[in-house]
Amino acid sequence: MSKRVATTGRHTSARIRTIIAQVLWTVCTIFALVLAAGALCIALDANLANSLVKFILDFADGVDLGVFSRDNGIKDFSGSNADTKNALLNWGLAAIVWLVIGRALERVVRP
């Protein structure tokens, strides 16, 4: 009888770890998608007064890890279309980093 309890306990632990790994991957993927959507909003000159656009840009500013800020990121362009170039490069890199972090966390946590 105790073998069955131990097997059930291991199965439950593995299932919980799998769910946590999936949640971590999903959250990191959402962060990457928001960064990509924010860069697209900047590139397409989206209406900044729109509440959805504002939400996406604010969210992207929050998850850009600071290092990849569109205002003070890895590369700071100047001249024409500087805002678009900054957003595309810096937020694009941040999105890639979030995907790498998510995959690494998912691999570590998953049984």
PDB file of N, CA and C in Angstrom:
ATOM      1  N   MET A   1       0.810  -1.190   0.000  1.00  0.00           N
ATOM      2  CA  MET A   1       0.000   0.000   0.000  1.00  0.00           C
ATOM      3  C   MET A   1       0.859   1.262   0.000  1.00  0.00           C
ATOM      4  N   SER A   2       2.008   1.245   0.693  1.00  0.00           N
ATOM      5  CA  SER A   2       2.855   2.437   0.757  1.00  0.00           C
ATOM      6  C   SER A   2       3.527   2.726  -0.590  1.00  0.00           C
ATOM      7  N   LYS A   3       3.784   1.687  -1.391  1.00  0.00           N
ATOM      8  CA  LYS A   3       4.350   1.914  -2.720  1.00  0.00           C
ATOM      9  C   LYS A   3       3.398   2.727  -3.583  1.00  0.00           C
ATOM     10  N   ARG A   4       2.130   2.429  -3.460  1.00  0.00           N
ATOM     11  CA  ARG A   4       1.126   3.141  -4.256  1.00  0.00           C
ATOM     12  C   ARG A   4       1.066   4.608  -3.850  1.00  0.00           C
ATOM     13  N   VAL A   5       1.151   4.898  -2.581  1.00  0.00           N
ATOM     14  CA  VAL A   5       1.140   6.273  -2.103  1.00  0.00           C
ATOM     15  C   VAL A   5       2.375   7.011  -2.597  1.00  0.00           C
ATOM     16  N   ALA A   6       3.536   6.369  -2.560  1.00  0.00           N
ATOM     17  CA  ALA A   6       4.768   6.994  -3.031  1.00  0.00           C
ATOM     18  C   ALA A   6       4.704   7.266  -4.528  1.00  0.00           C
ATOM     19  N   THR A   7       4.165   6.328  -5.286  1.00  0.00           N
ATOM     20  CA  THR A   7       4.028   6.526  -6.733  1.00  0.00           C
ATOM     21  C   THR A   7       3.060   7.656  -7.026  1.00  0.00           C
ATOM     22  N   THR A   8       1.964   7.703  -6.302  1.00  0.00           N
ATOM     23  CA  THR A   8       0.990   8.783  -6.487  1.00  0.00           C
ATOM     24  C   THR A   8       1.597  10.123  -6.116  1.00  0.00           C
ATOM     25  N   GLY A   9       2.394  10.137  -5.060  1.00  0.00           N
ATOM     26  CA  GLY A   9       3.059  11.377  -4.646  1.00  0.00           C
ATOM     27  C   GLY A   9       4.033  11.883  -5.693  1.00  0.00           C
ATOM     28  N   ARG A  10       4.800  10.975  -6.290  1.00  0.00           N
ATOM     29  CA  ARG A  10       5.733  11.361  -7.350  1.00  0.00           C
ATOM     30  C   ARG A  10       4.989  11.856  -8.581  1.00  0.00           C
ATOM     31  N   HIS A  11       3.896  11.186  -8.898  1.00  0.00           N
ATOM     32  CA  HIS A  11       3.096  11.592 -10.059  1.00  0.00           C
ATOM     33  C   HIS A  11       2.508  12.986  -9.839  1.00  0.00           C
ATOM     34  N   THR A  12       2.025  13.241  -8.641  1.00  0.00           N
ATOM     35  CA  THR A  12       1.461  14.551  -8.321  1.00  0.00           C
ATOM     36  C   THR A  12       2.536  15.628  -8.379  1.00  0.00           C
ATOM     37  N   SER A  13       3.712  15.336  -7.853  1.00  0.00           N
ATOM     38  CA  SER A  13       4.825  16.292  -7.889  1.00  0.00           C
ATOM     39  C   SER A  13       5.234  16.606  -9.326  1.00  0.00           C
ATOM     40  N   ALA A  14       5.316  15.581 -10.150  1.00  0.00           N
ATOM     41  CA  ALA A  14       5.680  15.782 -11.552  1.00  0.00           C
ATOM     42  C   ALA A  14       4.621  16.597 -12.275  1.00  0.00           C
ATOM     43  N   ARG A  15       3.371  16.340 -11.961  1.00  0.00           N
ATOM     44  CA  ARG A  15       2.276  17.084 -12.601  1.00  0.00           C
ATOM     45  C   ARG A  15       2.311  18.553 -12.198  1.00  0.00           C
ATOM     46  N   ILE A  16       2.560  18.824 -10.930  1.00  0.00           N
ATOM     47  CA  ILE A  16       2.641  20.208 -10.453  1.00  0.00           C
ATOM     48  C   ILE A  16       3.811  20.925 -11.107  1.00  0.00           C
ATOM     49  N   ARG A  17       4.954  20.255 -11.185  1.00  0.00           N
ATOM     50  CA  ARG A  17       6.121  20.867 -11.838  1.00  0.00           C
ATOM     51  C   ARG A  17       5.861  21.135 -13.316  1.00  0.00           C
ATOM     52  N   THR A  18       5.154  20.243 -13.971  1.00  0.00           N
ATOM     53  CA  THR A  18       4.811  20.449 -15.384  1.00  0.00           C
ATOM     54  C   THR A  18       3.903  21.660 -15.545  1.00  0.00           C
ATOM     55  N   ILE A  19       2.930  21.797 -14.677  1.00  0.00           N
ATOM     56  CA  ILE A  19       2.013  22.950 -14.737  1.00  0.00           C
ATOM     57  C   ILE A  19       2.765  24.240 -14.474  1.00  0.00           C
ATOM     58  N   ILE A  20       3.641  24.252 -13.488  1.00  0.00           N
ATOM     59  CA  ILE A  20       4.430  25.453 -13.185  1.00  0.00           C
ATOM     60  C   ILE A  20       5.325  25.811 -14.374  1.00  0.00           C
ATOM     61  N   ALA A  21       5.935  24.816 -14.996  1.00  0.00           N
ATOM     62  CA  ALA A  21       6.786  25.056 -16.167  1.00  0.00           C
ATOM     63  C   ALA A  21       5.971  25.663 -17.304  1.00  0.00           C
ATOM     64  N   GLN A  22       4.766  25.161 -17.514  1.00  0.00           N
ATOM     65  CA  GLN A  22       3.904  25.700 -18.564  1.00  0.00           C
ATOM     66  C   GLN A  22       3.493  27.142 -18.263  1.00  0.00           C
ATOM     67  N   VAL A  23       3.213  27.428 -17.017  1.00  0.00           N
ATOM     68  CA  VAL A  23       2.830  28.796 -16.622  1.00  0.00           C
ATOM     69  C   VAL A  23       4.003  29.748 -16.841  1.00  0.00           C
ATOM     70  N   LEU A  24       5.199  29.345 -16.427  1.00  0.00           N
ATOM     71  CA  LEU A  24       6.379  30.193 -16.629  1.00  0.00           C
ATOM     72  C   LEU A  24       6.614  30.469 -18.108  1.00  0.00           C
ATOM     73  N   TRP A  25       6.536  29.455 -18.943  1.00  0.00           N
ATOM     74  CA  TRP A  25       6.731  29.619 -20.382  1.00  0.00           C
ATOM     75  C   TRP A  25       5.654  30.541 -20.963  1.00  0.00           C
ATOM     76  N   THR A  26       4.421  30.376 -20.532  1.00  0.00           N
ATOM     77  CA  THR A  26       3.321  31.209 -21.024  1.00  0.00           C
ATOM     78  C   THR A  26       3.516  32.666 -20.639  1.00  0.00           C
ATOM     79  N   VAL A  27       3.903  32.924 -19.404  1.00  0.00           N
ATOM     80  CA  VAL A  27       4.122  34.305 -18.956  1.00  0.00           C
ATOM     81  C   VAL A  27       5.250  34.958 -19.749  1.00  0.00           C
ATOM     82  N   CYS A  28       6.346  34.261 -19.917  1.00  0.00           N
ATOM     83  CA  CYS A  28       7.473  34.815 -20.683  1.00  0.00           C
ATOM     84  C   CYS A  28       7.092  35.043 -22.142  1.00  0.00           C
ATOM     85  N   THR A  29       6.295  34.152 -22.709  1.00  0.00           N
ATOM     86  CA  THR A  29       5.833  34.322 -24.088  1.00  0.00           C
ATOM     87  C   THR A  29       4.917  35.530 -24.208  1.00  0.00           C
ATOM     88  N   ILE A  30       4.049  35.729 -23.233  1.00  0.00           N
ATOM     89  CA  ILE A  30       3.172  36.910 -23.235  1.00  0.00           C
ATOM     90  C   ILE A  30       4.005  38.181 -23.164  1.00  0.00           C
ATOM     91  N   PHE A  31       5.031  38.202 -22.313  1.00  0.00           N
ATOM     92  CA  PHE A  31       5.911  39.368 -22.236  1.00  0.00           C
ATOM     93  C   PHE A  31       6.556  39.649 -23.590  1.00  0.00           C
ATOM     94  N   ALA A  32       7.038  38.600 -24.261  1.00  0.00           N
ATOM     95  CA  ALA A  32       7.669  38.766 -25.578  1.00  0.00           C
ATOM     96  C   ALA A  32       6.667  39.287 -26.598  1.00  0.00           C
ATOM     97  N   LEU A  33       5.451  38.776 -26.567  1.00  0.00           N
ATOM     98  CA  LEU A  33       4.423  39.232 -27.505  1.00  0.00           C
ATOM     99  C   LEU A  33       4.034  40.687 -27.264  1.00  0.00           C
ATOM    100  N   VAL A  34       3.965  41.082 -26.009  1.00  0.00           N
ATOM    101  CA  VAL A  34       3.639  42.478 -25.695  1.00  0.00           C
ATOM    102  C   VAL A  34       4.755  43.401 -26.182  1.00  0.00           C
ATOM    103  N   LEU A  35       5.994  42.999 -26.007  1.00  0.00           N
ATOM    104  CA  LEU A  35       7.107  43.802 -26.513  1.00  0.00           C
ATOM    105  C   LEU A  35       7.058  43.922 -28.031  1.00  0.00           C
ATOM    106  N   ALA A  36       6.746  42.826 -28.706  1.00  0.00           N
ATOM    107  CA  ALA A  36       6.638  42.860 -30.165  1.00  0.00           C
ATOM    108  C   ALA A  36       5.467  43.741 -30.599  1.00  0.00           C
ATOM    109  N   ALA A  37       4.345  43.643 -29.896  1.00  0.00           N
ATOM    110  CA  ALA A  37       3.191  44.478 -30.222  1.00  0.00           C
ATOM    111  C   ALA A  37       3.488  45.947 -29.962  1.00  0.00           C
ATOM    112  N   GLY A  38       4.232  46.230 -28.899  1.00  0.00           N
ATOM    113  CA  GLY A  38       4.619  47.614 -28.609  1.00  0.00           C
ATOM    114  C   GLY A  38       5.519  48.181 -29.688  1.00  0.00           C
ATOM    115  N   ALA A  39       6.482  47.398 -30.134  1.00  0.00           N
ATOM    116  CA  ALA A  39       7.362  47.848 -31.209  1.00  0.00           C
ATOM    117  C   ALA A  39       6.570  48.075 -32.489  1.00  0.00           C
ATOM    118  N   LEU A  40       5.608  47.213 -32.746  1.00  0.00           N
ATOM    119  CA  LEU A  40       4.763  47.373 -33.928  1.00  0.00           C
ATOM    120  C   LEU A  40       3.906  48.636 -33.829  1.00  0.00           C
ATOM    121  N   CYS A  41       3.392  48.917 -32.646  1.00  0.00           N
ATOM    122  CA  CYS A  41       2.610  50.152 -32.447  1.00  0.00           C
ATOM    123  C   CYS A  41       3.458  51.387 -32.725  1.00  0.00           C
ATOM    124  N   ILE A  42       4.690  51.372 -32.265  1.00  0.00           N
ATOM    125  CA  ILE A  42       5.583  52.510 -32.513  1.00  0.00           C
ATOM    126  C   ILE A  42       5.913  52.603 -34.001  1.00  0.00           C
ATOM    127  N   ALA A  43       6.213  51.480 -34.621  1.00  0.00           N
ATOM    128  CA  ALA A  43       6.592  51.472 -36.043  1.00  0.00           C
ATOM    129  C   ALA A  43       5.454  51.932 -36.947  1.00  0.00           C
ATOM    130  N   LEU A  44       4.227  51.612 -36.558  1.00  0.00           N
ATOM    131  CA  LEU A  44       3.071  51.982 -37.374  1.00  0.00           C
ATOM    132  C   LEU A  44       2.460  53.322 -36.969  1.00  0.00           C
ATOM    133  N   ASP A  45       3.117  54.042 -36.085  1.00  0.00           N
ATOM    134  CA  ASP A  45       2.605  55.324 -35.583  1.00  0.00           C
ATOM    135  C   ASP A  45       1.165  55.199 -35.090  1.00  0.00           C
ATOM    136  N   ALA A  46       0.940  54.230 -34.226  1.00  0.00           N
ATOM    137  CA  ALA A  46      -0.395  54.005 -33.672  1.00  0.00           C
ATOM    138  C   ALA A  46      -0.835  55.215 -32.851  1.00  0.00           C
ATOM    139  N   ASN A  47      -2.132  55.370 -32.729  1.00  0.00           N
ATOM    140  CA  ASN A  47      -2.719  56.486 -31.997  1.00  0.00           C
ATOM    141  C   ASN A  47      -2.385  56.360 -30.510  1.00  0.00           C
ATOM    142  N   LEU A  48      -1.503  57.205 -30.015  1.00  0.00           N
ATOM    143  CA  LEU A  48      -1.056  57.130 -28.622  1.00  0.00           C
ATOM    144  C   LEU A  48      -2.151  57.516 -27.630  1.00  0.00           C
ATOM    145  N   ALA A  49      -3.218  58.138 -28.102  1.00  0.00           N
ATOM    146  CA  ALA A  49      -4.338  58.489 -27.229  1.00  0.00           C
ATOM    147  C   ALA A  49      -5.269  57.298 -27.006  1.00  0.00           C
ATOM    148  N   ASN A  50      -5.139  56.264 -27.814  1.00  0.00           N
ATOM    149  CA  ASN A  50      -5.966  55.069 -27.681  1.00  0.00           C
ATOM    150  C   ASN A  50      -5.571  54.316 -26.416  1.00  0.00           C
ATOM    151  N   SER A  51      -6.561  53.888 -25.647  1.00  0.00           N
ATOM    152  CA  SER A  51      -6.270  53.240 -24.364  1.00  0.00           C
ATOM    153  C   SER A  51      -5.576  51.885 -24.541  1.00  0.00           C
ATOM    154  N   LEU A  52      -5.917  51.137 -25.584  1.00  0.00           N
ATOM    155  CA  LEU A  52      -5.260  49.850 -25.811  1.00  0.00           C
ATOM    156  C   LEU A  52      -3.795  50.048 -26.188  1.00  0.00           C
ATOM    157  N   VAL A  53      -3.526  50.999 -27.055  1.00  0.00           N
ATOM    158  CA  VAL A  53      -2.147  51.293 -27.451  1.00  0.00           C
ATOM    159  C   VAL A  53      -1.348  51.757 -26.243  1.00  0.00           C
ATOM    160  N   LYS A  54      -1.955  52.626 -25.436  1.00  0.00           N
ATOM    161  CA  LYS A  54      -1.285  53.123 -24.225  1.00  0.00           C
ATOM    162  C   LYS A  54      -0.986  51.973 -23.264  1.00  0.00           C
ATOM    163  N   PHE A  55      -1.945  51.062 -23.103  1.00  0.00           N
ATOM    164  CA  PHE A  55      -1.746  49.912 -22.224  1.00  0.00           C
ATOM    165  C   PHE A  55      -0.582  49.050 -22.721  1.00  0.00           C
ATOM    166  N   ILE A  56      -0.564  48.763 -24.025  1.00  0.00           N
ATOM    167  CA  ILE A  56       0.503  47.933 -24.594  1.00  0.00           C
ATOM    168  C   ILE A  56       1.862  48.590 -24.405  1.00  0.00           C
ATOM    169  N   LEU A  57       1.946  49.896 -24.682  1.00  0.00           N
ATOM    170  CA  LEU A  57       3.227  50.591 -24.547  1.00  0.00           C
ATOM    171  C   LEU A  57       3.675  50.664 -23.089  1.00  0.00           C
ATOM    172  N   ASP A  58       2.734  50.903 -22.168  1.00  0.00           N
ATOM    173  CA  ASP A  58       3.086  50.939 -20.746  1.00  0.00           C
ATOM    174  C   ASP A  58       3.539  49.559 -20.262  1.00  0.00           C
ATOM    175  N   PHE A  59       2.835  48.525 -20.698  1.00  0.00           N
ATOM    176  CA  PHE A  59       3.199  47.162 -20.320  1.00  0.00           C
ATOM    177  C   PHE A  59       4.577  46.819 -20.877  1.00  0.00           C
ATOM    178  N   ALA A  60       4.815  47.167 -22.142  1.00  0.00           N
ATOM    179  CA  ALA A  60       6.118  46.897 -22.767  1.00  0.00           C
ATOM    180  C   ALA A  60       7.232  47.652 -22.041  1.00  0.00           C
ATOM    181  N   ASP A  61       6.965  48.895 -21.654  1.00  0.00           N
ATOM    182  CA  ASP A  61       7.959  49.648 -20.879  1.00  0.00           C
ATOM    183  C   ASP A  61       8.265  48.955 -19.557  1.00  0.00           C
ATOM    184  N   GLY A  62       7.260  48.294 -18.985  1.00  0.00           N
ATOM    185  CA  GLY A  62       7.450  47.606 -17.711  1.00  0.00           C
ATOM    186  C   GLY A  62       8.227  46.312 -17.803  1.00  0.00           C
ATOM    187  N   VAL A  63       8.169  45.642 -18.947  1.00  0.00           N
ATOM    188  CA  VAL A  63       8.831  44.338 -19.068  1.00  0.00           C
ATOM    189  C   VAL A  63      10.058  44.371 -19.971  1.00  0.00           C
ATOM    190  N   ASP A  64      10.563  45.557 -20.272  1.00  0.00           N
ATOM    191  CA  ASP A  64      11.724  45.642 -21.166  1.00  0.00           C
ATOM    192  C   ASP A  64      13.045  45.397 -20.444  1.00  0.00           C
ATOM    193  N   LEU A  65      12.990  45.017 -19.187  1.00  0.00           N
ATOM    194  CA  LEU A  65      14.147  44.642 -18.372  1.00  0.00           C
ATOM    195  C   LEU A  65      15.107  45.812 -18.111  1.00  0.00           C
ATOM    196  N   GLY A  66      14.699  47.022 -18.435  1.00  0.00           N
ATOM    197  CA  GLY A  66      15.533  48.189 -18.189  1.00  0.00           C
ATOM    198  C   GLY A  66      16.694  48.330 -19.152  1.00  0.00           C
ATOM    199  N   VAL A  67      17.355  47.257 -19.429  1.00  0.00           N
ATOM    200  CA  VAL A  67      18.520  47.263 -20.327  1.00  0.00           C
ATOM    201  C   VAL A  67      18.082  47.524 -21.764  1.00  0.00           C
ATOM    202  N   PHE A  68      16.860  47.102 -22.097  1.00  0.00           N
ATOM    203  CA  PHE A  68      16.363  47.201 -23.467  1.00  0.00           C
ATOM    204  C   PHE A  68      15.306  48.289 -23.618  1.00  0.00           C
ATOM    205  N   SER A  69      15.412  49.330 -22.829  1.00  0.00           N
ATOM    206  CA  SER A  69      14.460  50.432 -22.885  1.00  0.00           C
ATOM    207  C   SER A  69      14.518  51.109 -24.249  1.00  0.00           C
ATOM    208  N   ARG A  70      13.367  51.532 -24.736  1.00  0.00           N
ATOM    209  CA  ARG A  70      13.379  52.210 -26.044  1.00  0.00           C
ATOM    210  C   ARG A  70      13.949  53.614 -25.935  1.00  0.00           C
ATOM    211  N   ASP A  71      14.015  54.160 -24.721  1.00  0.00           N
ATOM    212  CA  ASP A  71      14.578  55.497 -24.516  1.00  0.00           C
ATOM    213  C   ASP A  71      16.075  55.462 -24.218  1.00  0.00           C
ATOM    214  N   ASN A  72      16.532  54.412 -23.560  1.00  0.00           N
ATOM    215  CA  ASN A  72      17.934  54.314 -23.166  1.00  0.00           C
ATOM    216  C   ASN A  72      18.354  52.843 -23.194  1.00  0.00           C
ATOM    217  N   GLY A  73      18.315  52.246 -24.361  1.00  0.00           N
ATOM    218  CA  GLY A  73      18.561  50.820 -24.483  1.00  0.00           C
ATOM    219  C   GLY A  73      19.964  50.483 -24.917  1.00  0.00           C
ATOM    220  N   ILE A  74      20.109  49.278 -25.448  1.00  0.00           N
ATOM    221  CA  ILE A  74      21.399  48.786 -25.926  1.00  0.00           C
ATOM    222  C   ILE A  74      21.961  49.705 -26.991  1.00  0.00           C
ATOM    223  N   LYS A  75      21.132  50.076 -27.929  1.00  0.00           N
ATOM    224  CA  LYS A  75      21.520  50.973 -29.018  1.00  0.00           C
ATOM    225  C   LYS A  75      20.539  52.132 -29.018  1.00  0.00           C
ATOM    226  N   ASP A  76      21.065  53.347 -29.086  1.00  0.00           N
ATOM    227  CA  ASP A  76      20.223  54.538 -29.089  1.00  0.00           C
ATOM    228  C   ASP A  76      20.418  55.254 -30.426  1.00  0.00           C
ATOM    229  N   PHE A  77      19.446  55.128 -31.297  1.00  0.00           N
ATOM    230  CA  PHE A  77      19.513  55.761 -32.605  1.00  0.00           C
ATOM    231  C   PHE A  77      19.162  57.243 -32.493  1.00  0.00           C
ATOM    232  N   SER A  78      19.597  58.016 -33.461  1.00  0.00           N
ATOM    233  CA  SER A  78      19.222  59.425 -33.546  1.00  0.00           C
ATOM    234  C   SER A  78      18.856  59.727 -34.988  1.00  0.00           C
ATOM    235  N   GLY A  79      18.253  60.838 -35.198  1.00  0.00           N
ATOM    236  CA  GLY A  79      17.863  61.220 -36.553  1.00  0.00           C
ATOM    237  C   GLY A  79      16.440  60.814 -36.864  1.00  0.00           C
ATOM    238  N   SER A  80      16.174  60.693 -38.163  1.00  0.00           N
ATOM    239  CA  SER A  80      14.808  60.379 -38.578  1.00  0.00           C
ATOM    240  C   SER A  80      14.454  58.943 -38.192  1.00  0.00           C
ATOM    241  N   ASN A  81      13.225  58.770 -37.760  1.00  0.00           N
ATOM    242  CA  ASN A  81      12.695  57.465 -37.351  1.00  0.00           C
ATOM    243  C   ASN A  81      13.463  56.843 -36.190  1.00  0.00           C
ATOM    244  N   ALA A  82      14.080  57.655 -35.367  1.00  0.00           N
ATOM    245  CA  ALA A  82      14.865  57.128 -34.246  1.00  0.00           C
ATOM    246  C   ALA A  82      13.983  56.359 -33.266  1.00  0.00           C
ATOM    247  N   ASP A  83      12.766  56.863 -33.000  1.00  0.00           N
ATOM    248  CA  ASP A  83      11.871  56.165 -32.065  1.00  0.00           C
ATOM    249  C   ASP A  83      11.519  54.771 -32.571  1.00  0.00           C
ATOM    250  N   THR A  84      11.246  54.677 -33.854  1.00  0.00           N
ATOM    251  CA  THR A  84      10.901  53.388 -34.447  1.00  0.00           C
ATOM    252  C   THR A  84      12.086  52.433 -34.390  1.00  0.00           C
ATOM    253  N   LYS A  85      13.252  52.907 -34.749  1.00  0.00           N
ATOM    254  CA  LYS A  85      14.448  52.060 -34.721  1.00  0.00           C
ATOM    255  C   LYS A  85      14.768  51.607 -33.302  1.00  0.00           C
ATOM    256  N   ASN A  86      14.661  52.531 -32.330  1.00  0.00           N
ATOM    257  CA  ASN A  86      14.920  52.180 -30.934  1.00  0.00           C
ATOM    258  C   ASN A  86      13.951  51.108 -30.451  1.00  0.00           C
ATOM    259  N   ALA A  87      12.671  51.295 -30.758  1.00  0.00           N
ATOM    260  CA  ALA A  87      11.660  50.334 -30.308  1.00  0.00           C
ATOM    261  C   ALA A  87      11.874  48.972 -30.960  1.00  0.00           C
ATOM    262  N   LEU A  88      12.093  48.969 -32.265  1.00  0.00           N
ATOM    263  CA  LEU A  88      12.250  47.695 -32.964  1.00  0.00           C
ATOM    264  C   LEU A  88      13.484  46.931 -32.493  1.00  0.00           C
ATOM    265  N   LEU A  89      14.615  47.611 -32.364  1.00  0.00           N
ATOM    266  CA  LEU A  89      15.833  46.923 -31.962  1.00  0.00           C
ATOM    267  C   LEU A  89      15.793  46.525 -30.483  1.00  0.00           C
ATOM    268  N   ASN A  90      15.565  47.496 -29.616  1.00  0.00           N
ATOM    269  CA  ASN A  90      15.659  47.231 -28.177  1.00  0.00           C
ATOM    270  C   ASN A  90      14.538  46.315 -27.684  1.00  0.00           C
ATOM    271  N   TRP A  91      13.297  46.588 -28.081  1.00  0.00           N
ATOM    272  CA  TRP A  91      12.206  45.720 -27.643  1.00  0.00           C
ATOM    273  C   TRP A  91      12.257  44.374 -28.349  1.00  0.00           C
ATOM    274  N   GLY A  92      12.776  44.341 -29.571  1.00  0.00           N
ATOM    275  CA  GLY A  92      12.963  43.061 -30.249  1.00  0.00           C
ATOM    276  C   GLY A  92      13.966  42.188 -29.515  1.00  0.00           C
ATOM    277  N   LEU A  93      15.067  42.786 -29.088  1.00  0.00           N
ATOM    278  CA  LEU A  93      16.059  42.047 -28.300  1.00  0.00           C
ATOM    279  C   LEU A  93      15.476  41.593 -26.959  1.00  0.00           C
ATOM    280  N   ALA A  94      14.702  42.469 -26.327  1.00  0.00           N
ATOM    281  CA  ALA A  94      14.072  42.109 -25.048  1.00  0.00           C
ATOM    282  C   ALA A  94      13.105  40.941 -25.230  1.00  0.00           C
ATOM    283  N   ALA A  95      12.369  40.938 -26.330  1.00  0.00           N
ATOM    284  CA  ALA A  95      11.449  39.832 -26.598  1.00  0.00           C
ATOM    285  C   ALA A  95      12.217  38.520 -26.748  1.00  0.00           C
ATOM    286  N   ILE A  96      13.322  38.564 -27.453  1.00  0.00           N
ATOM    287  CA  ILE A  96      14.146  37.360 -27.610  1.00  0.00           C
ATOM    288  C   ILE A  96      14.684  36.893 -26.264  1.00  0.00           C
ATOM    289  N   VAL A  97      15.132  37.833 -25.448  1.00  0.00           N
ATOM    290  CA  VAL A  97      15.650  37.480 -24.117  1.00  0.00           C
ATOM    291  C   VAL A  97      14.556  36.836 -23.275  1.00  0.00           C
ATOM    292  N   TRP A  98      13.324  37.389 -23.323  1.00  0.00           N
ATOM    293  CA  TRP A  98      12.221  36.786 -22.565  1.00  0.00           C
ATOM    294  C   TRP A  98      11.937  35.364 -23.034  1.00  0.00           C
ATOM    295  N   LEU A  99      12.028  35.128 -24.335  1.00  0.00           N
ATOM    296  CA  LEU A  99      11.802  33.770 -24.835  1.00  0.00           C
ATOM    297  C   LEU A  99      12.901  32.814 -24.372  1.00  0.00           C
ATOM    298  N   VAL A 100      14.132  33.281 -24.347  1.00  0.00           N
ATOM    299  CA  VAL A 100      15.243  32.448 -23.868  1.00  0.00           C
ATOM    300  C   VAL A 100      15.086  32.166 -22.373  1.00  0.00           C
ATOM    301  N   ILE A 101      14.750  33.207 -21.607  1.00  0.00           N
ATOM    302  CA  ILE A 101      14.526  33.025 -20.160  1.00  0.00           C
ATOM    303  C   ILE A 101      13.389  32.047 -19.922  1.00  0.00           C
ATOM    304  N   GLY A 102      12.312  32.221 -20.649  1.00  0.00           N
ATOM    305  CA  GLY A 102      11.157  31.339 -20.483  1.00  0.00           C
ATOM    306  C   GLY A 102      11.484  29.894 -20.794  1.00  0.00           C
ATOM    307  N   ARG A 103      12.214  29.670 -21.876  1.00  0.00           N
ATOM    308  CA  ARG A 103      12.569  28.297 -22.244  1.00  0.00           C
ATOM    309  C   ARG A 103      13.519  27.695 -21.219  1.00  0.00           C
ATOM    310  N   ALA A 104      14.471  28.494 -20.735  1.00  0.00           N
ATOM    311  CA  ALA A 104      15.410  27.984 -19.720  1.00  0.00           C
ATOM    312  C   ALA A 104      14.678  27.631 -18.430  1.00  0.00           C
ATOM    313  N   LEU A 105      13.796  28.508 -17.977  1.00  0.00           N
ATOM    314  CA  LEU A 105      13.033  28.230 -16.757  1.00  0.00           C
ATOM    315  C   LEU A 105      12.150  27.004 -16.938  1.00  0.00           C
ATOM    316  N   GLU A 106      11.537  26.904 -18.090  1.00  0.00           N
ATOM    317  CA  GLU A 106      10.659  25.769 -18.366  1.00  0.00           C
ATOM    318  C   GLU A 106      11.449  24.470 -18.328  1.00  0.00           C
ATOM    319  N   ARG A 107      12.635  24.453 -18.881  1.00  0.00           N
ATOM    320  CA  ARG A 107      13.468  23.240 -18.889  1.00  0.00           C
ATOM    321  C   ARG A 107      13.965  22.875 -17.497  1.00  0.00           C
ATOM    322  N   VAL A 108      14.239  23.886 -16.677  1.00  0.00           N
ATOM    323  CA  VAL A 108      14.730  23.615 -15.322  1.00  0.00           C
ATOM    324  C   VAL A 108      13.622  23.061 -14.429  1.00  0.00           C
ATOM    325  N   VAL A 109      12.431  23.622 -14.565  1.00  0.00           N
ATOM    326  CA  VAL A 109      11.329  23.247 -13.668  1.00  0.00           C
ATOM    327  C   VAL A 109      10.663  21.939 -14.092  1.00  0.00           C
ATOM    328  N   ARG A 110      10.520  21.725 -15.390  1.00  0.00           N
ATOM    329  CA  ARG A 110       9.819  20.528 -15.881  1.00  0.00           C
ATOM    330  C   ARG A 110      10.565  19.263 -15.430  1.00  0.00           C
ATOM    331  N   PRO A 111       9.823  18.262 -14.968  1.00  0.00           N
ATOM    332  CA  PRO A 111      10.471  17.007 -14.513  1.00  0.00           C
ATOM    333  C   PRO A 111      11.108  16.243 -15.663  1.00  0.00           C
TER     334      PRO A 111
END
